[in-house]
N, C-alpha and C. Protein backbone atom coordinates (compact mmCIF):
# COMPACT_ATOMS: atom_id res chain seq x y z
N MET A 1 0.83 -1.19 -0.06
CA MET A 1 -0.05 -0.02 0.04
C MET A 1 0.88 1.29 0.05
N ASP A 2 0.49 2.27 -0.74
CA ASP A 2 1.33 3.51 -0.95
C ASP A 2 1.12 4.38 0.33
N ILE A 3 2.33 4.68 0.87
CA ILE A 3 2.35 5.44 2.19
C ILE A 3 1.47 6.78 1.96
N ASN A 4 1.47 7.46 0.77
CA ASN A 4 0.75 8.60 0.47
C ASN A 4 -0.64 8.41 0.68
N ALA A 5 -1.19 7.34 0.23
CA ALA A 5 -2.52 7.02 0.34
C ALA A 5 -3.06 6.94 1.77
N ILE A 6 -2.07 6.42 2.63
CA ILE A 6 -2.58 6.15 3.99
C ILE A 6 -2.67 7.56 4.71
N VAL A 7 -1.79 8.67 4.39
CA VAL A 7 -1.72 9.70 5.21
C VAL A 7 -2.27 10.92 4.66
N THR A 8 -2.80 10.92 3.39
CA THR A 8 -3.20 12.22 2.72
C THR A 8 -4.19 13.07 3.60
N TRP A 9 -5.13 12.37 4.30
CA TRP A 9 -6.17 13.02 4.90
C TRP A 9 -5.64 13.60 6.26
N LEU A 10 -4.51 13.38 6.80
CA LEU A 10 -4.10 13.77 8.12
C LEU A 10 -3.77 15.25 8.31
N ASP A 11 -3.01 15.77 7.31
CA ASP A 11 -2.70 17.22 7.48
C ASP A 11 -2.44 17.66 5.90
N VAL A 12 -2.28 19.14 5.82
CA VAL A 12 -2.19 19.65 4.57
C VAL A 12 -0.97 19.39 3.66
N THR A 13 0.08 19.05 4.43
CA THR A 13 1.34 18.63 3.69
C THR A 13 1.48 17.08 3.45
N SER A 14 0.48 16.28 3.99
CA SER A 14 0.78 14.81 3.96
C SER A 14 0.67 14.28 2.55
N GLY A 15 0.13 15.07 1.58
CA GLY A 15 -0.05 14.66 0.23
C GLY A 15 1.38 14.56 -0.49
N LEU A 16 2.47 15.21 0.17
CA LEU A 16 3.68 15.18 -0.34
C LEU A 16 4.50 13.95 0.25
N ALA A 17 4.06 13.17 1.05
CA ALA A 17 4.79 12.21 1.80
C ALA A 17 5.23 11.21 0.79
N GLY A 18 4.34 10.74 -0.18
CA GLY A 18 4.75 9.74 -1.04
C GLY A 18 5.92 10.14 -1.99
N ASN A 19 6.05 11.47 -2.05
CA ASN A 19 7.20 11.93 -3.03
C ASN A 19 8.63 11.86 -2.34
N LEU A 20 8.60 11.56 -1.05
CA LEU A 20 9.83 11.39 -0.35
C LEU A 20 10.72 10.27 -0.70
N SER A 21 10.09 9.19 -1.05
CA SER A 21 10.70 7.95 -1.38
C SER A 21 11.72 8.10 -2.49
N GLY A 22 12.79 7.57 -2.40
CA GLY A 22 13.74 7.54 -3.49
C GLY A 22 15.02 8.36 -3.17
N ALA A 23 14.96 9.20 -2.01
CA ALA A 23 16.14 10.01 -1.51
C ALA A 23 16.59 11.08 -2.56
N ALA A 24 15.63 11.56 -3.51
CA ALA A 24 16.01 12.62 -4.35
C ALA A 24 16.32 13.78 -3.51
N CYS A 25 17.16 14.67 -4.13
CA CYS A 25 17.59 15.94 -3.34
C CYS A 25 16.41 16.81 -3.06
N TRP A 26 15.44 16.79 -4.00
CA TRP A 26 14.30 17.72 -3.55
C TRP A 26 13.34 17.26 -2.49
N ALA A 27 13.63 15.82 -2.17
CA ALA A 27 12.79 15.39 -1.00
C ALA A 27 13.25 16.06 0.22
N TYR A 28 14.45 16.34 0.42
CA TYR A 28 15.03 17.14 1.58
C TYR A 28 14.59 18.60 1.52
N ALA A 29 14.38 19.01 0.36
CA ALA A 29 13.93 20.39 0.20
C ALA A 29 12.48 20.50 0.74
N ILE A 30 11.63 19.44 0.37
CA ILE A 30 10.21 19.45 0.82
C ILE A 30 10.19 19.60 2.32
N LEU A 31 10.95 18.75 2.89
CA LEU A 31 11.10 18.74 4.42
C LEU A 31 11.42 20.19 5.05
N ALA A 32 12.43 20.78 4.36
CA ALA A 32 12.83 22.11 4.79
C ALA A 32 11.87 23.10 4.70
N ILE A 33 11.18 23.12 3.38
CA ILE A 33 10.16 24.17 3.09
C ILE A 33 9.04 24.01 4.05
N THR A 34 8.54 22.79 4.40
CA THR A 34 7.40 22.69 5.06
C THR A 34 7.72 22.81 6.57
N THR A 35 8.81 22.86 6.98
CA THR A 35 9.23 23.03 8.43
C THR A 35 9.49 24.49 8.80
N LEU A 36 9.91 25.22 7.74
CA LEU A 36 10.29 26.62 8.04
C LEU A 36 9.12 27.43 8.64
N PRO A 37 7.95 27.53 8.21
CA PRO A 37 6.96 28.40 8.63
C PRO A 37 6.35 27.83 10.01
N PRO A 38 5.88 28.60 11.07
CA PRO A 38 5.28 27.99 12.18
C PRO A 38 3.89 27.68 11.96
N LEU A 39 3.39 26.76 12.65
CA LEU A 39 1.83 26.32 12.69
C LEU A 39 1.50 25.65 11.43
N LEU A 40 2.39 25.20 10.54
CA LEU A 40 2.07 24.38 9.31
C LEU A 40 2.31 23.03 9.74
N PRO A 41 1.31 22.22 9.83
CA PRO A 41 1.33 20.71 10.29
C PRO A 41 2.14 19.86 9.19
N ASN A 42 3.18 19.37 9.68
CA ASN A 42 3.96 18.37 8.80
C ASN A 42 4.54 17.24 9.45
N ASN A 43 3.77 16.96 10.50
CA ASN A 43 4.15 15.68 11.28
C ASN A 43 4.30 14.43 10.47
N VAL A 44 3.28 14.36 9.57
CA VAL A 44 3.26 12.97 8.74
C VAL A 44 4.51 13.07 7.93
N LEU A 45 4.94 14.13 7.28
CA LEU A 45 6.15 14.14 6.53
C LEU A 45 7.27 13.74 7.37
N LEU A 46 7.35 14.28 8.51
CA LEU A 46 8.59 14.09 9.42
C LEU A 46 8.56 12.58 9.77
N VAL A 47 7.51 12.10 10.20
CA VAL A 47 7.34 10.59 10.59
C VAL A 47 7.70 9.70 9.37
N THR A 48 7.16 10.02 8.24
CA THR A 48 7.42 9.32 7.08
C THR A 48 8.89 9.33 6.62
N SER A 49 9.60 10.39 6.84
CA SER A 49 11.08 10.52 6.52
C SER A 49 11.69 9.61 7.47
N GLY A 50 11.31 9.51 8.70
CA GLY A 50 12.00 8.76 9.54
C GLY A 50 11.84 7.34 9.27
N VAL A 51 10.75 6.84 8.87
CA VAL A 51 10.44 5.47 8.43
C VAL A 51 11.43 5.06 7.18
N LEU A 52 11.24 6.11 6.21
CA LEU A 52 12.10 5.79 5.03
C LEU A 52 13.68 5.79 5.23
N ALA A 53 14.05 6.59 6.30
CA ALA A 53 15.54 6.46 6.68
C ALA A 53 15.85 5.17 7.29
N ALA A 54 14.93 4.60 8.05
CA ALA A 54 15.16 3.34 8.73
C ALA A 54 15.13 2.32 7.67
N ARG A 55 14.43 2.39 6.64
CA ARG A 55 14.57 1.47 5.53
C ARG A 55 15.60 1.65 4.38
N GLY A 56 16.49 2.79 4.70
CA GLY A 56 17.69 3.01 3.81
C GLY A 56 17.29 3.83 2.66
N GLU A 57 16.08 4.39 2.52
CA GLU A 57 15.58 5.05 1.33
C GLU A 57 15.94 6.54 1.45
N MET A 58 16.26 7.16 2.60
CA MET A 58 16.67 8.42 2.75
C MET A 58 17.83 8.43 3.91
N SER A 59 18.64 9.49 3.85
CA SER A 59 19.75 9.52 4.85
C SER A 59 19.29 10.26 6.04
N ILE A 60 19.40 9.58 7.14
CA ILE A 60 19.03 10.18 8.44
C ILE A 60 19.69 11.42 8.73
N VAL A 61 20.91 11.42 8.39
CA VAL A 61 21.83 12.74 8.76
C VAL A 61 21.23 13.96 7.88
N LEU A 62 21.05 13.76 6.55
CA LEU A 62 20.42 14.75 5.81
C LEU A 62 19.00 15.16 6.21
N VAL A 63 18.23 14.24 6.63
CA VAL A 63 16.92 14.48 7.18
C VAL A 63 16.98 15.44 8.33
N VAL A 64 17.92 15.08 9.22
CA VAL A 64 17.96 15.76 10.49
C VAL A 64 18.52 17.27 10.25
N LEU A 65 19.52 17.33 9.34
CA LEU A 65 20.02 18.63 9.02
C LEU A 65 19.10 19.44 8.35
N SER A 66 18.20 18.91 7.45
CA SER A 66 17.27 19.73 6.58
C SER A 66 16.25 20.16 7.54
N VAL A 67 15.54 19.40 8.47
CA VAL A 67 14.56 19.83 9.32
C VAL A 67 15.05 20.64 10.36
N ALA A 68 15.90 20.40 11.08
CA ALA A 68 16.61 21.22 12.15
C ALA A 68 17.11 22.53 11.71
N GLY A 69 17.73 22.57 10.54
CA GLY A 69 18.32 23.74 10.08
C GLY A 69 17.18 24.76 9.58
N SER A 70 16.26 24.11 8.93
CA SER A 70 15.03 24.98 8.51
C SER A 70 14.24 25.53 9.59
N ALA A 71 14.03 24.67 10.57
CA ALA A 71 13.32 25.11 11.79
C ALA A 71 14.02 26.30 12.52
N LEU A 72 15.36 26.11 12.67
CA LEU A 72 16.13 27.20 13.34
C LEU A 72 16.01 28.53 12.43
N LEU A 73 16.10 28.36 11.23
CA LEU A 73 15.91 29.62 10.44
C LEU A 73 14.58 30.30 10.66
N GLY A 74 13.47 29.38 10.70
CA GLY A 74 12.16 30.00 10.95
C GLY A 74 12.12 30.63 12.33
N ASP A 75 12.84 29.95 13.21
CA ASP A 75 12.78 30.67 14.69
C ASP A 75 13.46 31.98 14.58
N LEU A 76 14.63 32.09 14.02
CA LEU A 76 15.25 33.37 13.96
C LEU A 76 14.45 34.51 13.23
N LEU A 77 13.79 34.05 12.23
CA LEU A 77 12.89 35.04 11.63
C LEU A 77 11.75 35.51 12.45
N ILE A 78 11.24 34.63 13.21
CA ILE A 78 10.22 34.92 14.23
C ILE A 78 10.64 35.78 15.24
N HIS A 79 11.83 35.64 15.69
CA HIS A 79 12.42 36.50 16.80
C HIS A 79 12.55 37.92 16.11
N ARG A 80 13.00 37.90 14.93
CA ARG A 80 13.18 39.36 14.33
C ARG A 80 12.06 39.99 14.10
N CYS A 81 11.02 39.23 13.76
CA CYS A 81 9.59 39.92 13.50
C CYS A 81 9.10 40.45 14.86
N GLY A 82 9.29 39.64 15.82
CA GLY A 82 8.96 40.16 17.29
C GLY A 82 9.84 41.41 17.81
N ARG A 83 11.13 41.52 17.33
CA ARG A 83 11.87 42.57 17.63
C ARG A 83 11.50 43.69 16.87
N PHE A 84 11.10 43.62 15.59
CA PHE A 84 10.77 44.68 14.66
C PHE A 84 9.42 45.33 15.10
N LEU A 85 8.40 44.42 15.52
CA LEU A 85 7.12 44.89 15.96
C LEU A 85 7.12 45.47 17.42
N GLY A 86 7.95 44.92 18.29
CA GLY A 86 8.22 45.45 19.61
C GLY A 86 6.92 45.54 20.35
N ASP A 87 6.61 46.71 20.86
CA ASP A 87 5.38 46.92 21.75
C ASP A 87 4.04 46.67 20.90
N ARG A 88 4.15 46.79 19.50
CA ARG A 88 2.96 46.54 18.87
C ARG A 88 2.49 45.07 18.84
N ALA A 89 3.67 44.30 18.85
CA ALA A 89 3.24 42.70 19.13
C ALA A 89 2.76 42.47 20.46
N ARG A 90 3.30 43.02 21.50
CA ARG A 90 2.93 42.81 22.98
C ARG A 90 1.61 43.36 22.95
N LEU A 91 1.30 44.50 22.57
CA LEU A 91 -0.12 45.17 22.75
C LEU A 91 -1.13 44.38 22.06
N GLY A 92 -0.75 43.84 20.81
CA GLY A 92 -1.78 43.14 20.01
C GLY A 92 -2.08 41.87 20.70
N ALA A 93 -1.09 41.21 21.33
CA ALA A 93 -1.27 40.00 21.99
C ALA A 93 -2.19 40.08 23.30
N VAL A 94 -1.99 41.32 23.88
CA VAL A 94 -2.68 41.40 25.19
C VAL A 94 -4.24 41.50 25.02
N THR A 95 -4.69 41.91 23.74
CA THR A 95 -6.10 42.11 23.53
C THR A 95 -6.73 40.80 23.12
N ARG A 96 -5.96 39.61 23.23
CA ARG A 96 -6.45 38.29 22.78
C ARG A 96 -6.57 37.32 23.96
N GLY A 97 -7.10 37.71 25.09
CA GLY A 97 -7.47 36.96 26.23
C GLY A 97 -6.28 36.13 26.77
N ARG A 98 -6.60 34.78 26.92
CA ARG A 98 -5.52 33.90 27.43
C ARG A 98 -4.24 33.87 26.70
N ARG A 99 -4.45 33.85 25.40
CA ARG A 99 -3.14 33.93 24.60
C ARG A 99 -2.21 35.14 24.85
N GLY A 100 -2.92 36.37 25.10
CA GLY A 100 -2.32 37.52 25.49
C GLY A 100 -1.51 37.37 26.94
N GLU A 101 -2.30 36.81 27.78
CA GLU A 101 -1.71 36.53 29.13
C GLU A 101 -0.48 35.65 29.04
N LEU A 102 -0.44 34.58 28.17
CA LEU A 102 0.55 33.69 27.91
C LEU A 102 1.79 34.34 27.22
N PHE A 103 1.53 35.40 26.39
CA PHE A 103 2.55 36.14 25.86
C PHE A 103 3.23 36.94 26.67
N GLU A 104 2.48 37.66 27.62
CA GLU A 104 3.05 38.45 28.75
C GLU A 104 3.94 37.66 29.66
N TRP A 105 3.47 36.43 29.99
CA TRP A 105 4.14 35.73 30.79
C TRP A 105 5.39 35.16 30.14
N MET A 106 5.41 34.83 28.92
CA MET A 106 6.54 34.36 28.25
C MET A 106 7.62 35.42 28.22
N SER A 107 7.22 36.65 28.00
CA SER A 107 8.13 37.79 27.88
C SER A 107 8.97 37.95 29.15
N GLY A 108 8.24 37.90 30.25
CA GLY A 108 8.85 37.91 31.54
C GLY A 108 9.83 36.77 31.80
N GLN A 109 9.34 35.53 31.49
CA GLN A 109 10.08 34.34 31.78
C GLN A 109 11.35 34.23 30.96
N VAL A 110 11.31 34.76 29.77
CA VAL A 110 12.59 34.66 28.91
C VAL A 110 13.58 35.63 29.37
N ARG A 111 13.25 36.70 29.98
CA ARG A 111 14.23 37.58 30.58
C ARG A 111 14.81 36.98 31.87
N ARG A 112 14.00 36.38 32.60
CA ARG A 112 14.47 35.82 33.86
C ARG A 112 15.32 34.55 33.76
N ARG A 113 14.76 33.55 32.81
CA ARG A 113 15.35 32.23 32.74
C ARG A 113 16.30 32.03 31.48
N GLY A 114 16.13 32.77 30.55
CA GLY A 114 16.98 32.78 29.39
C GLY A 114 16.89 31.65 28.50
N ILE A 115 18.14 31.01 28.19
CA ILE A 115 18.12 29.88 27.31
C ILE A 115 17.26 28.60 27.71
N PRO A 116 17.32 28.19 29.03
CA PRO A 116 16.43 27.09 29.39
C PRO A 116 15.08 27.20 29.03
N PHE A 117 14.46 28.47 29.17
CA PHE A 117 13.02 28.79 28.79
C PHE A 117 12.88 28.77 27.35
N VAL A 118 13.94 29.22 26.57
CA VAL A 118 13.82 29.27 25.06
C VAL A 118 13.72 27.74 24.67
N VAL A 119 14.44 26.89 25.24
CA VAL A 119 14.47 25.45 24.90
C VAL A 119 12.96 24.84 25.30
N GLY A 120 12.56 25.16 26.48
CA GLY A 120 11.40 24.35 26.98
C GLY A 120 10.09 24.94 26.30
N VAL A 121 10.04 26.18 25.86
CA VAL A 121 8.83 26.61 25.43
C VAL A 121 8.58 26.24 23.93
N ARG A 122 9.63 25.65 23.26
CA ARG A 122 9.46 25.18 21.99
C ARG A 122 8.39 23.96 21.99
N PHE A 123 8.42 23.11 23.10
CA PHE A 123 7.63 22.11 22.96
C PHE A 123 6.17 22.25 23.53
N LEU A 124 5.63 23.45 23.57
CA LEU A 124 4.31 23.77 23.91
C LEU A 124 3.60 24.06 22.67
N PRO A 125 2.26 23.64 22.54
CA PRO A 125 1.55 24.01 21.33
C PRO A 125 1.64 25.46 21.02
N SER A 126 1.91 26.00 19.77
CA SER A 126 2.24 27.38 19.53
C SER A 126 3.40 28.09 20.24
N GLY A 127 4.00 27.20 20.90
CA GLY A 127 5.30 27.85 21.69
C GLY A 127 6.23 28.32 20.89
N ARG A 128 6.50 27.61 19.63
CA ARG A 128 7.47 28.24 18.62
C ARG A 128 7.24 29.63 18.18
N LEU A 129 5.96 29.90 17.83
CA LEU A 129 5.55 31.30 17.53
C LEU A 129 5.51 32.11 18.53
N LEU A 130 4.77 31.98 19.70
CA LEU A 130 4.69 32.85 20.81
C LEU A 130 5.95 33.08 21.46
N GLY A 131 6.64 31.89 21.61
CA GLY A 131 7.97 32.14 22.37
C GLY A 131 8.93 33.02 21.61
N GLY A 132 9.00 32.85 20.22
CA GLY A 132 9.95 33.57 19.47
C GLY A 132 9.59 35.10 19.32
N LEU A 133 8.26 35.28 19.21
CA LEU A 133 7.79 36.70 19.11
C LEU A 133 7.99 37.45 20.47
N SER A 134 7.68 36.71 21.61
CA SER A 134 7.77 37.44 22.90
C SER A 134 9.26 37.57 23.26
N ALA A 135 10.12 36.68 22.77
CA ALA A 135 11.64 36.83 23.08
C ALA A 135 12.16 38.12 22.19
N GLY A 136 11.63 38.20 21.05
CA GLY A 136 12.10 39.44 20.27
C GLY A 136 11.44 40.72 20.70
N ALA A 137 10.18 40.67 21.10
CA ALA A 137 9.53 41.94 21.60
C ALA A 137 10.14 42.26 22.95
N ALA A 138 10.65 41.26 23.81
CA ALA A 138 11.17 41.61 25.07
C ALA A 138 12.59 42.08 24.86
N GLY A 139 13.23 41.99 23.73
CA GLY A 139 14.56 42.52 23.53
C GLY A 139 15.52 41.54 23.85
N TYR A 140 15.19 40.15 24.01
CA TYR A 140 16.17 39.08 24.33
C TYR A 140 17.22 39.08 23.22
N PRO A 141 18.46 39.00 23.49
CA PRO A 141 19.59 39.03 22.52
C PRO A 141 19.51 37.88 21.49
N LEU A 142 19.62 38.20 20.24
CA LEU A 142 19.55 37.21 19.20
C LEU A 142 20.47 36.02 19.29
N GLY A 143 21.72 36.32 19.66
CA GLY A 143 22.75 35.35 19.84
C GLY A 143 22.27 34.31 20.96
N ARG A 144 21.82 34.77 22.02
CA ARG A 144 21.43 33.79 23.06
C ARG A 144 20.13 32.97 22.60
N PHE A 145 19.24 33.75 22.01
CA PHE A 145 18.07 32.99 21.50
C PHE A 145 18.40 31.99 20.50
N ALA A 146 19.27 32.28 19.58
CA ALA A 146 19.87 31.28 18.56
C ALA A 146 20.40 30.08 19.19
N SER A 147 21.16 30.21 20.16
CA SER A 147 21.76 29.12 20.99
C SER A 147 20.64 28.19 21.47
N GLY A 148 19.76 28.84 22.26
CA GLY A 148 18.53 27.94 22.79
C GLY A 148 17.76 27.33 21.68
N ALA A 149 17.51 28.16 20.72
CA ALA A 149 16.59 27.67 19.68
C ALA A 149 17.21 26.45 18.88
N ALA A 150 18.63 26.59 18.73
CA ALA A 150 19.29 25.48 17.95
C ALA A 150 19.29 24.17 18.81
N LEU A 151 19.44 24.30 20.21
CA LEU A 151 19.26 23.06 20.92
C LEU A 151 17.84 22.48 20.96
N ALA A 152 16.90 23.43 20.92
CA ALA A 152 15.52 23.05 21.12
C ALA A 152 15.17 22.31 19.82
N GLU A 153 15.49 22.89 18.66
CA GLU A 153 15.14 22.28 17.31
C GLU A 153 15.89 20.95 17.09
N LEU A 154 17.08 20.83 17.61
CA LEU A 154 17.69 19.58 17.53
C LEU A 154 17.05 18.46 18.14
N ILE A 155 16.64 18.86 19.52
CA ILE A 155 15.83 17.88 20.33
C ILE A 155 14.48 17.49 19.55
N TRP A 156 13.83 18.55 19.19
CA TRP A 156 12.45 18.41 18.48
C TRP A 156 12.62 17.59 17.23
N THR A 157 13.68 17.82 16.45
CA THR A 157 13.84 17.05 15.24
C THR A 157 14.17 15.58 15.44
N ALA A 158 14.97 15.43 16.53
CA ALA A 158 15.35 13.93 17.03
C ALA A 158 14.07 13.23 17.32
N TYR A 159 13.17 13.91 18.06
CA TYR A 159 12.00 13.35 18.51
C TYR A 159 11.08 13.06 17.37
N SER A 160 10.72 14.02 16.59
CA SER A 160 9.86 14.10 15.29
C SER A 160 10.18 13.04 14.40
N VAL A 161 11.32 13.04 14.03
CA VAL A 161 11.90 12.12 12.99
C VAL A 161 12.11 10.63 13.64
N GLY A 162 12.62 10.84 14.80
CA GLY A 162 12.91 9.54 15.62
C GLY A 162 11.85 8.48 15.88
N VAL A 163 10.60 9.09 16.04
CA VAL A 163 9.38 8.16 16.28
C VAL A 163 9.21 7.46 14.95
N GLY A 164 9.35 8.08 13.80
CA GLY A 164 9.21 7.32 12.51
C GLY A 164 10.28 6.37 12.28
N TYR A 165 11.49 6.65 12.62
CA TYR A 165 12.70 5.82 12.49
C TYR A 165 12.51 4.73 13.35
N PHE A 166 11.94 4.79 14.66
CA PHE A 166 11.74 3.76 15.59
C PHE A 166 10.75 2.83 14.92
N GLY A 167 9.69 3.36 14.30
CA GLY A 167 8.64 2.48 13.83
C GLY A 167 9.03 1.69 12.70
N GLY A 168 9.95 2.28 11.88
CA GLY A 168 10.50 1.58 10.61
C GLY A 168 11.56 0.54 11.00
N ALA A 169 12.17 0.81 12.31
CA ALA A 169 13.24 -0.23 12.66
C ALA A 169 12.51 -1.47 13.07
N ILE A 170 11.40 -1.29 13.67
CA ILE A 170 10.73 -2.56 14.35
C ILE A 170 9.73 -3.11 13.50
N SER A 171 9.44 -2.53 12.37
CA SER A 171 8.40 -3.19 11.49
C SER A 171 8.79 -2.79 10.01
N ASP A 172 8.64 -4.00 9.31
CA ASP A 172 8.86 -3.82 7.72
C ASP A 172 7.70 -3.38 7.02
N ASP A 173 6.42 -3.40 7.69
CA ASP A 173 5.30 -2.88 7.06
C ASP A 173 5.15 -1.56 7.18
N PRO A 174 5.11 -0.68 6.07
CA PRO A 174 5.14 0.75 6.14
C PRO A 174 3.78 1.30 6.84
N VAL A 175 2.74 0.53 6.73
CA VAL A 175 1.47 0.98 7.31
C VAL A 175 1.63 0.99 8.87
N HIS A 176 2.26 -0.17 9.35
CA HIS A 176 2.43 -0.39 10.77
C HIS A 176 3.54 0.65 11.29
N SER A 177 4.49 0.91 10.52
CA SER A 177 5.58 1.86 10.83
C SER A 177 5.08 3.21 11.12
N VAL A 178 4.32 3.63 10.05
CA VAL A 178 3.81 5.13 10.11
C VAL A 178 2.66 5.21 11.31
N ALA A 179 1.91 4.12 11.37
CA ALA A 179 0.83 4.23 12.36
C ALA A 179 1.52 4.27 13.83
N LEU A 180 2.47 3.51 13.94
CA LEU A 180 3.29 3.59 15.28
C LEU A 180 3.87 4.82 15.60
N GLY A 181 4.51 5.43 14.42
CA GLY A 181 5.20 6.67 14.70
C GLY A 181 4.13 7.93 15.00
N LEU A 182 3.10 7.93 14.23
CA LEU A 182 2.00 8.86 14.50
C LEU A 182 1.28 8.70 16.01
N GLY A 183 1.19 7.38 16.27
CA GLY A 183 0.64 7.21 17.71
C GLY A 183 1.51 7.66 18.81
N LEU A 184 2.79 7.58 18.72
CA LEU A 184 3.65 7.98 19.59
C LEU A 184 3.81 9.60 19.59
N SER A 185 3.69 10.14 18.38
CA SER A 185 3.70 11.58 18.28
C SER A 185 2.37 12.07 18.94
N LEU A 186 1.32 11.51 18.69
CA LEU A 186 -0.07 11.92 19.32
C LEU A 186 0.03 11.95 20.82
N VAL A 187 0.62 10.90 21.43
CA VAL A 187 0.75 10.85 22.87
C VAL A 187 1.66 12.03 23.45
N VAL A 188 2.76 12.35 22.86
CA VAL A 188 3.46 13.41 23.21
C VAL A 188 2.77 14.77 22.94
N GLY A 189 1.94 14.73 21.93
CA GLY A 189 1.27 16.07 21.57
C GLY A 189 0.20 16.47 22.57
N VAL A 190 -0.48 15.31 23.04
CA VAL A 190 -1.45 15.53 24.12
C VAL A 190 -0.90 15.95 25.46
N ALA A 191 0.22 15.44 25.78
CA ALA A 191 0.90 15.71 27.07
C ALA A 191 1.39 17.14 26.91
N ALA A 192 1.80 17.65 25.74
CA ALA A 192 2.26 19.05 25.56
C ALA A 192 1.04 20.03 25.70
N SER A 193 -0.14 19.45 25.15
CA SER A 193 -1.39 20.42 25.29
C SER A 193 -1.83 20.58 26.75
N LEU A 194 -1.61 19.53 27.61
CA LEU A 194 -1.97 19.57 28.99
C LEU A 194 -0.96 20.47 29.64
N ALA A 195 0.29 20.42 29.28
CA ALA A 195 1.33 21.35 29.86
C ALA A 195 0.92 22.72 29.46
N GLN A 196 0.50 23.01 28.28
CA GLN A 196 0.21 24.41 27.88
C GLN A 196 -0.89 24.92 28.69
N ARG A 197 -1.87 24.11 28.99
CA ARG A 197 -3.07 24.56 29.76
C ARG A 197 -2.62 24.98 31.18
N ARG A 198 -1.68 24.17 31.67
CA ARG A 198 -1.33 24.38 33.04
C ARG A 198 -0.51 25.64 33.03
N THR A 199 0.39 25.88 31.93
CA THR A 199 1.15 27.09 31.90
C THR A 199 0.29 28.14 31.74
N GLY A 200 -0.79 28.12 30.93
CA GLY A 200 -1.76 29.18 30.69
C GLY A 200 -2.38 29.72 32.02
N ARG A 201 -2.89 28.76 32.84
CA ARG A 201 -3.39 29.07 34.12
C ARG A 201 -2.54 29.92 35.00
N ARG A 202 -1.22 29.27 34.98
CA ARG A 202 -0.19 29.99 35.80
C ARG A 202 0.08 31.29 35.38
N ALA A 203 0.16 31.47 34.07
CA ALA A 203 0.41 32.88 33.43
C ALA A 203 -0.87 33.75 33.90
N GLY A 204 -2.02 33.24 33.93
CA GLY A 204 -3.19 34.08 34.24
C GLY A 204 -3.10 34.52 35.75
N ARG A 205 -2.66 33.55 36.57
CA ARG A 205 -2.57 33.90 37.92
C ARG A 205 -1.50 35.00 38.28
N SER A 206 -0.36 34.81 37.39
CA SER A 206 0.77 35.74 37.56
C SER A 206 0.33 37.10 37.15
N THR A 207 -0.43 37.13 36.08
CA THR A 207 -0.98 38.57 35.50
C THR A 207 -1.89 39.19 36.61
N VAL A 208 -2.75 38.36 37.21
CA VAL A 208 -3.69 38.84 38.14
C VAL A 208 -2.91 39.51 39.31
N ARG A 209 -1.90 38.69 39.86
CA ARG A 209 -1.02 39.14 41.02
C ARG A 209 -0.34 40.39 40.69
N HIS A 210 0.15 40.49 39.43
CA HIS A 210 0.88 41.70 39.16
C HIS A 210 -0.04 42.90 39.00
N THR A 211 -1.18 42.72 38.44
CA THR A 211 -2.12 43.89 38.37
C THR A 211 -2.58 44.24 39.73
N ALA A 212 -2.80 43.25 40.65
CA ALA A 212 -3.17 43.57 42.02
C ALA A 212 -2.14 44.30 42.70
N GLY A 213 -0.87 43.98 42.54
CA GLY A 213 0.18 44.71 43.09
C GLY A 213 0.37 46.09 42.77
N LEU A 214 -0.06 46.36 41.40
CA LEU A 214 -0.08 47.84 41.11
C LEU A 214 -1.13 48.67 41.71
N ALA A 215 -2.14 48.04 42.26
CA ALA A 215 -3.29 48.83 42.76
C ALA A 215 -3.25 48.85 44.25
N LEU A 216 -2.07 48.46 44.92
CA LEU A 216 -1.98 48.40 46.40
C LEU A 216 -2.15 49.87 46.83
N PRO A 217 -2.89 50.25 48.06
CA PRO A 217 -2.86 51.48 48.47
C PRO A 217 -1.54 51.92 49.02
N VAL A 218 -1.21 53.23 48.84
CA VAL A 218 0.08 53.78 49.08
C VAL A 218 -0.25 55.13 49.96
N PRO A 219 0.29 55.28 51.22
CA PRO A 219 0.11 56.53 51.85
C PRO A 219 0.68 57.73 51.11
N SER A 220 -0.02 58.79 51.10
CA SER A 220 0.54 60.00 50.45
C SER A 220 1.23 60.81 51.49
N ALA A 221 1.89 61.86 51.03
CA ALA A 221 2.62 62.76 51.98
C ALA A 221 1.78 63.43 53.00
N ALA A 222 0.40 63.66 52.61
CA ALA A 222 -0.38 64.36 53.42
C ALA A 222 -1.02 63.35 54.43
N GLY A 223 -0.79 62.11 54.37
CA GLY A 223 -1.23 61.12 55.33
C GLY A 223 -2.47 60.46 54.91
N ASN A 224 -3.10 60.89 53.60
CA ASN A 224 -4.12 60.35 53.11
C ASN A 224 -3.74 58.98 52.30
N VAL A 225 -4.72 58.17 51.97
CA VAL A 225 -4.33 56.88 51.32
C VAL A 225 -4.72 57.12 49.85
N SER A 226 -3.77 56.84 49.04
CA SER A 226 -4.06 56.95 47.48
C SER A 226 -3.74 55.59 46.97
N LYS A 227 -4.08 55.43 45.69
CA LYS A 227 -3.71 54.14 44.98
C LYS A 227 -2.62 54.37 43.83
N GLU A 228 -1.68 53.50 44.00
CA GLU A 228 -0.62 53.70 42.86
C GLU A 228 -1.12 53.00 41.57
N VAL A 229 -0.98 53.71 40.50
CA VAL A 229 -1.41 53.10 39.20
C VAL A 229 -0.18 52.63 38.47
């Protein structure tokens, strides 16, 4: 059964999965192009490339370099967009409810925690986009961001391609290999979604405490009580 026929319905890039077979140079270009922009689902392509690498039809080294390199380039572009937009990005996010609270929380966390936070936020849903924009808007140095993003993308690529490689290594059936890889990817995705919910609630509580702190009563010089804004 053709791998392409199995996975076409799963995401918008999955129709390209069948074209990866054969290890042609443009197969790596497909991986790079579909990984560059944020929020473009290409998990099926990544899992399929891992399966094909396990079967010797693609080079695992070139797959990892294509995916991780393209993802890092996308991260740097996102950071520069956040830096360019500055306060406009922050104010635009604030008007969007919980996502705005999460953006504000990320901006503060990247200042305090630095590279470890840049690495960790990559694995939250939408974390690549929000994390990069918030780091840029917060003025976090590009060099440090690049170091954290490079480590994060290497780990992410190893996982995303690795689940397919693992599936291809333990099963000669491409259907079973892709299904196993996608199943493992789904489990990790659900765990990341739960982590994002917890992070969003924590960000909301942090924002409320910060706002309450700004409204604490402060004695004035005349002895009256006023509120600091």
